[in-house]
């Protein structure tokens, strides 16, 4: 194992080459955290490494999170590259959603495998390498906090992640390992761009949000960096919505009220 000079903490970030994943990676780097970025596409990860340049300690691992060997491979590479493991950010997920009666078994299996089974297995593997001061963060969704028409399997697994997080907070908190869940509202990324300006999408998201700006990937990254740091040293077992107030208010924008 190597332990490059100046690296005090090491994180695995899944889905690292996506919009939110890259923002998380960059923000952790600003905190002095070395990151092993994980994704399925080597070209995307290599491009991210090029963009990061020498701004932070970064390595990447090409893996399909559904593969049986993926968790052990990720943890082993983090230890080999950086000599330790302190943080796991379960960011990768499937945005495959639809009404329950229109959800096929293939759709259900994809979402369960990527968004619930894979994080469970990675956490299980990482626990063997982590000690006091460790932190797990799950990137969920406000769709896991309240009922949403069309949520289907997506909402189901996001709620399931909360159960996993709370269980881990209770089980491993005595070891000094914290677990928390970040619930973003919709963020404009490559995953959501196709329907961002659709009237239904805007009505069910933007017109219900008190804060009159879009949530950004940097907003999510800032919360993740906080939860992974000692600044959040007594924050454990919590679900924190980064959503402008949509999940806790009955706000309606003037345009929604016809004003």
Protein backbone atom coordinates (compact mmCIF):
# COMPACT_ATOMS: atom_id res chain seq x y z
CA UNK A 1 0.00 0.00 0.00
CA UNK A 2 1.06 3.56 -0.65
CA UNK A 3 0.14 6.61 1.36
CA UNK A 4 0.99 9.73 -0.63
CA UNK A 5 2.19 12.66 1.43
CA UNK A 6 -0.46 15.11 2.55
CA UNK A 7 -3.42 12.74 2.24
CA UNK A 8 -5.31 12.58 5.50
CA UNK A 9 -8.56 11.03 4.25
CA UNK A 10 -9.60 8.86 1.32
CA UNK A 11 -13.04 8.50 -0.28
CA UNK A 12 -14.70 6.22 -2.79
CA UNK A 13 -17.27 8.10 -4.90
CA UNK A 14 -19.49 6.04 -7.18
CA UNK A 15 -20.93 7.63 -10.30
CA UNK A 16 -17.98 10.02 -10.11
CA UNK A 17 -18.02 11.11 -13.77
CA UNK A 18 -21.61 12.37 -13.68
CA UNK A 19 -22.64 15.93 -12.88
CA UNK A 20 -23.24 15.46 -9.15
CA UNK A 21 -20.43 12.91 -8.85
CA UNK A 22 -17.86 15.27 -10.36
CA UNK A 23 -19.01 18.12 -8.12
CA UNK A 24 -18.67 15.88 -5.06
CA UNK A 25 -15.23 14.72 -6.17
CA UNK A 26 -14.01 18.27 -6.69
CA UNK A 27 -15.40 19.52 -3.38
CA UNK A 28 -13.85 16.64 -1.44
CA UNK A 29 -10.56 17.41 -3.17
CA UNK A 30 -10.78 20.98 -1.90
CA UNK A 31 -11.03 19.48 1.59
CA UNK A 32 -7.80 17.56 1.03
CA UNK A 33 -9.57 14.23 0.53
CA UNK A 34 -8.13 11.81 -2.02
CA UNK A 35 -10.84 10.25 -4.19
CA UNK A 36 -11.19 6.96 -6.00
CA UNK A 37 -13.85 7.71 -8.61
CA UNK A 38 -15.91 4.78 -9.82
CA UNK A 39 -17.94 4.45 -13.01
CA UNK A 40 -18.75 2.16 -15.90
CA UNK A 41 -17.16 4.20 -18.70
CA UNK A 42 -13.39 4.48 -18.76
CA UNK A 43 -13.35 7.36 -21.23
CA UNK A 44 -15.56 9.47 -18.94
CA UNK A 45 -13.40 8.74 -15.90
CA UNK A 46 -10.19 9.42 -17.83
CA UNK A 47 -11.62 12.74 -19.02
CA UNK A 48 -12.48 13.62 -15.43
CA UNK A 49 -8.93 12.80 -14.36
CA UNK A 50 -7.63 15.10 -17.11
CA UNK A 51 -9.96 17.91 -16.01
CA UNK A 52 -8.83 17.57 -12.41
CA UNK A 53 -5.19 17.63 -13.39
CA UNK A 54 -2.96 18.17 -10.38
CA UNK A 55 -5.64 19.94 -8.30
CA UNK A 56 -6.18 16.87 -6.09
CA UNK A 57 -5.24 13.25 -5.50
CA UNK A 58 -7.51 11.22 -7.79
CA UNK A 59 -7.55 7.72 -9.19
CA UNK A 60 -10.36 5.88 -10.90
CA UNK A 61 -11.81 2.40 -11.08
CA UNK A 62 -13.88 1.15 -14.00
CA UNK A 63 -16.58 -1.12 -12.64
CA UNK A 64 -20.18 -2.16 -13.11
CA UNK A 65 -21.55 -1.92 -9.60
CA UNK A 66 -23.75 -4.93 -10.27
CA UNK A 67 -20.75 -7.23 -10.71
CA UNK A 68 -20.13 -9.57 -7.80
CA UNK A 69 -16.44 -8.66 -7.65
CA UNK A 70 -16.96 -4.88 -7.85
CA UNK A 71 -17.00 -4.00 -4.12
CA UNK A 72 -13.82 -5.90 -3.28
CA UNK A 73 -12.08 -4.45 -6.33
CA UNK A 74 -13.00 -0.87 -5.42
CA UNK A 75 -11.88 -1.17 -1.82
CA UNK A 76 -8.66 -2.94 -2.79
CA UNK A 77 -7.80 -0.24 -5.33
CA UNK A 78 -8.46 2.57 -2.83
CA UNK A 79 -6.12 0.89 -0.34
CA UNK A 80 -3.50 0.24 -2.99
CA UNK A 81 -3.58 3.77 -4.37
CA UNK A 82 -3.92 5.74 -1.16
CA UNK A 83 -3.26 3.40 1.76
CA UNK A 84 -6.54 3.82 3.61
CA UNK A 85 -10.30 4.29 3.28
CA UNK A 86 -12.35 6.75 5.31
CA UNK A 87 -15.40 7.72 3.27
CA UNK A 88 -17.85 6.06 0.89
CA UNK A 89 -20.25 8.20 -1.11
CA UNK A 90 -22.94 6.05 -2.72
CA UNK A 91 -23.85 8.41 -5.54
CA UNK A 92 -24.45 6.14 -8.56
CA UNK A 93 -28.03 5.25 -9.31
CA UNK A 94 -30.62 4.41 -11.93
CA UNK A 95 -33.17 7.05 -12.93
CA UNK A 96 -35.56 4.44 -14.33
CA UNK A 97 -39.00 5.33 -13.06
CA UNK A 98 -42.68 5.01 -13.92
CA UNK A 99 -46.01 4.01 -12.38
CA UNK A 100 -46.04 0.70 -10.52
CA UNK A 101 -48.47 -0.88 -13.00
CA UNK A 102 -46.11 0.05 -15.87
CA UNK A 103 -42.90 -1.13 -14.17
CA UNK A 104 -41.58 -4.36 -15.64
CA UNK A 105 -39.46 -6.85 -13.74
CA UNK A 106 -36.45 -5.79 -15.80
CA UNK A 107 -36.97 -2.14 -14.80
CA UNK A 108 -37.43 -3.14 -11.17
CA UNK A 109 -34.34 -5.34 -11.15
CA UNK A 110 -32.17 -2.63 -12.70
CA UNK A 111 -33.13 -0.04 -10.10
CA UNK A 112 -32.87 -2.46 -7.19
CA UNK A 113 -29.47 -3.74 -8.35
CA UNK A 114 -27.85 -0.37 -9.00
CA UNK A 115 -29.46 1.80 -6.35
CA UNK A 116 -29.94 -0.55 -3.39
CA UNK A 117 -28.12 -3.86 -3.72
CA UNK A 118 -24.88 -2.26 -4.98
CA UNK A 119 -24.67 0.33 -2.16
CA UNK A 120 -25.45 -2.37 0.40
CA UNK A 121 -22.66 -4.59 -0.91
CA UNK A 122 -20.14 -1.74 -1.16
CA UNK A 123 -20.87 -0.65 2.41
CA UNK A 124 -20.47 -4.23 3.61
CA UNK A 125 -17.07 -4.51 1.93
CA UNK A 126 -15.85 -1.06 2.97
CA UNK A 127 -16.65 -1.60 6.64
CA UNK A 128 -13.74 -4.02 6.88
CA UNK A 129 -11.31 -1.27 5.87
CA UNK A 130 -12.77 1.66 7.80
CA UNK A 131 -12.22 2.73 11.39
CA UNK A 132 -13.19 5.49 13.77
CA UNK A 133 -13.93 8.72 11.94
CA UNK A 134 -15.28 6.93 8.89
CA UNK A 135 -18.36 8.19 7.08
CA UNK A 136 -20.92 6.82 4.66
CA UNK A 137 -23.11 9.17 2.63
CA UNK A 138 -26.01 8.05 0.47
CA UNK A 139 -27.15 10.34 -2.32
CA UNK A 140 -30.86 9.71 -2.41
CA UNK A 141 -33.75 11.90 -3.50
CA UNK A 142 -36.68 13.84 -2.17
CA UNK A 143 -38.66 11.19 -4.05
CA UNK A 144 -37.68 8.84 -1.24
CA UNK A 145 -39.27 11.18 1.33
CA UNK A 146 -42.79 11.60 -0.03
CA UNK A 147 -45.17 9.98 -2.44
CA UNK A 148 -44.68 10.97 -6.06
CA UNK A 149 -46.90 9.88 -8.96
CA UNK A 150 -44.76 7.84 -11.30
CA UNK A 151 -42.06 7.21 -8.69
CA UNK A 152 -42.39 3.44 -8.92
CA UNK A 153 -39.18 1.51 -8.32
CA UNK A 154 -37.09 4.69 -8.10
CA UNK A 155 -38.97 6.04 -5.08
CA UNK A 156 -39.02 2.58 -3.55
CA UNK A 157 -35.24 2.16 -3.54
CA UNK A 158 -34.59 5.73 -2.42
CA UNK A 159 -36.75 5.08 0.62
CA UNK A 160 -34.95 1.76 1.08
CA UNK A 161 -31.61 3.56 1.19
CA UNK A 162 -32.87 5.52 4.19
CA UNK A 163 -33.56 2.26 6.02
CA UNK A 164 -30.07 1.00 5.20
CA UNK A 165 -28.49 4.26 6.32
CA UNK A 166 -30.37 4.34 9.63
CA UNK A 167 -29.50 0.71 10.33
CA UNK A 168 -25.82 1.38 9.67
CA UNK A 169 -25.90 4.49 11.85
CA UNK A 170 -27.11 2.36 14.76
CA UNK A 171 -24.89 -0.63 14.06
CA UNK A 172 -21.59 1.11 13.39
CA UNK A 173 -21.98 4.41 15.22
CA UNK A 174 -20.40 2.78 18.31
CA UNK A 175 -17.30 2.21 16.14
CA UNK A 176 -17.20 5.93 15.34
CA UNK A 177 -18.47 5.39 11.79
CA UNK A 178 -21.27 7.75 10.79
CA UNK A 179 -23.93 7.23 8.13
CA UNK A 180 -26.17 9.91 6.62
CA UNK A 181 -28.46 10.45 3.64
CA UNK A 182 -28.63 13.49 1.37
CA UNK A 183 -31.95 13.98 -0.44
CA UNK A 184 -31.54 16.36 -3.38
CA UNK A 185 -34.41 17.84 -5.26
CA UNK A 186 -34.03 17.66 -9.03
CA UNK A 187 -30.68 18.91 -10.32
CA UNK A 188 -30.04 19.77 -13.95
CA UNK A 189 -27.56 17.18 -15.16
CA UNK A 190 -27.20 14.98 -18.21
CA UNK A 191 -29.69 12.61 -16.57
CA UNK A 192 -32.48 15.20 -16.29
CA UNK A 193 -31.73 17.58 -19.16
CA UNK A 194 -34.07 15.86 -21.62
CA UNK A 195 -37.21 16.77 -19.69
CA UNK A 196 -36.02 19.75 -17.62
CA UNK A 197 -38.13 22.29 -19.50
CA UNK A 198 -41.21 20.11 -19.95
CA UNK A 199 -44.30 21.84 -18.50
CA UNK A 200 -45.24 18.90 -16.24
CA UNK A 201 -41.69 18.69 -14.87
CA UNK A 202 -41.57 22.38 -14.09
CA UNK A 203 -45.01 22.37 -12.46
CA UNK A 204 -44.21 19.44 -10.19
CA UNK A 205 -40.77 20.73 -9.19
CA UNK A 206 -40.01 24.40 -9.73
CA UNK A 207 -43.48 25.74 -9.01
CA UNK A 208 -43.54 23.92 -5.65
CA UNK A 209 -40.15 25.19 -4.44
CA UNK A 210 -40.00 28.35 -2.28
CA UNK A 211 -36.42 29.25 -3.21
CA UNK A 212 -36.46 30.73 -6.66
CA UNK A 213 -33.35 29.25 -8.18
CA UNK A 214 -32.36 25.82 -9.37
CA UNK A 215 -30.57 23.38 -7.10
CA UNK A 216 -27.06 22.78 -8.41
CA UNK A 217 -24.62 19.91 -8.21
CA UNK A 218 -22.42 22.18 -6.10
CA UNK A 219 -25.22 22.52 -3.54
CA UNK A 220 -25.21 18.74 -3.12
CA UNK A 221 -21.41 18.55 -3.04
CA UNK A 222 -21.24 21.15 -0.28
CA UNK A 223 -23.55 19.10 1.95
CA UNK A 224 -21.60 15.90 1.22
CA UNK A 225 -18.29 17.58 2.09
CA UNK A 226 -19.77 18.76 5.37
CA UNK A 227 -21.14 15.33 6.29
CA UNK A 228 -17.80 13.66 5.50
CA UNK A 229 -15.86 16.09 7.67
CA UNK A 230 -15.28 16.43 11.39
CA UNK A 231 -17.51 19.52 11.26
CA UNK A 232 -20.34 16.98 11.19
CA UNK A 233 -18.73 14.76 13.81
CA UNK A 234 -21.96 14.32 15.78
CA UNK A 235 -24.30 14.05 12.79
CA UNK A 236 -25.34 10.42 12.39
CA UNK A 237 -28.41 8.65 11.05
CA UNK A 238 -29.85 11.78 9.46
CA UNK A 239 -31.76 12.44 6.27
CA UNK A 240 -30.96 15.94 5.04
CA UNK A 241 -32.95 17.38 2.17
CA UNK A 242 -31.18 19.84 -0.13
CA UNK A 243 -34.35 20.91 -1.85
CA UNK A 244 -35.16 24.58 -1.33
CA UNK A 245 -38.07 23.62 0.94
CA UNK A 246 -40.15 21.51 -1.45
CA UNK A 247 -40.37 18.53 0.92
CA UNK A 248 -41.53 20.44 4.01
CA UNK A 249 -43.80 23.21 2.71
CA UNK A 250 -47.05 23.57 0.83
CA UNK A 251 -45.68 26.39 -1.28
CA UNK A 252 -47.19 27.17 -4.65
CA UNK A 253 -45.58 29.68 -6.99
CA UNK A 254 -47.74 32.57 -8.20
CA UNK A 255 -47.82 31.06 -11.68
CA UNK A 256 -49.14 27.80 -10.21
CA UNK A 257 -51.94 29.78 -8.56
CA UNK A 258 -52.71 31.56 -11.81
CA UNK A 259 -51.56 34.94 -10.51
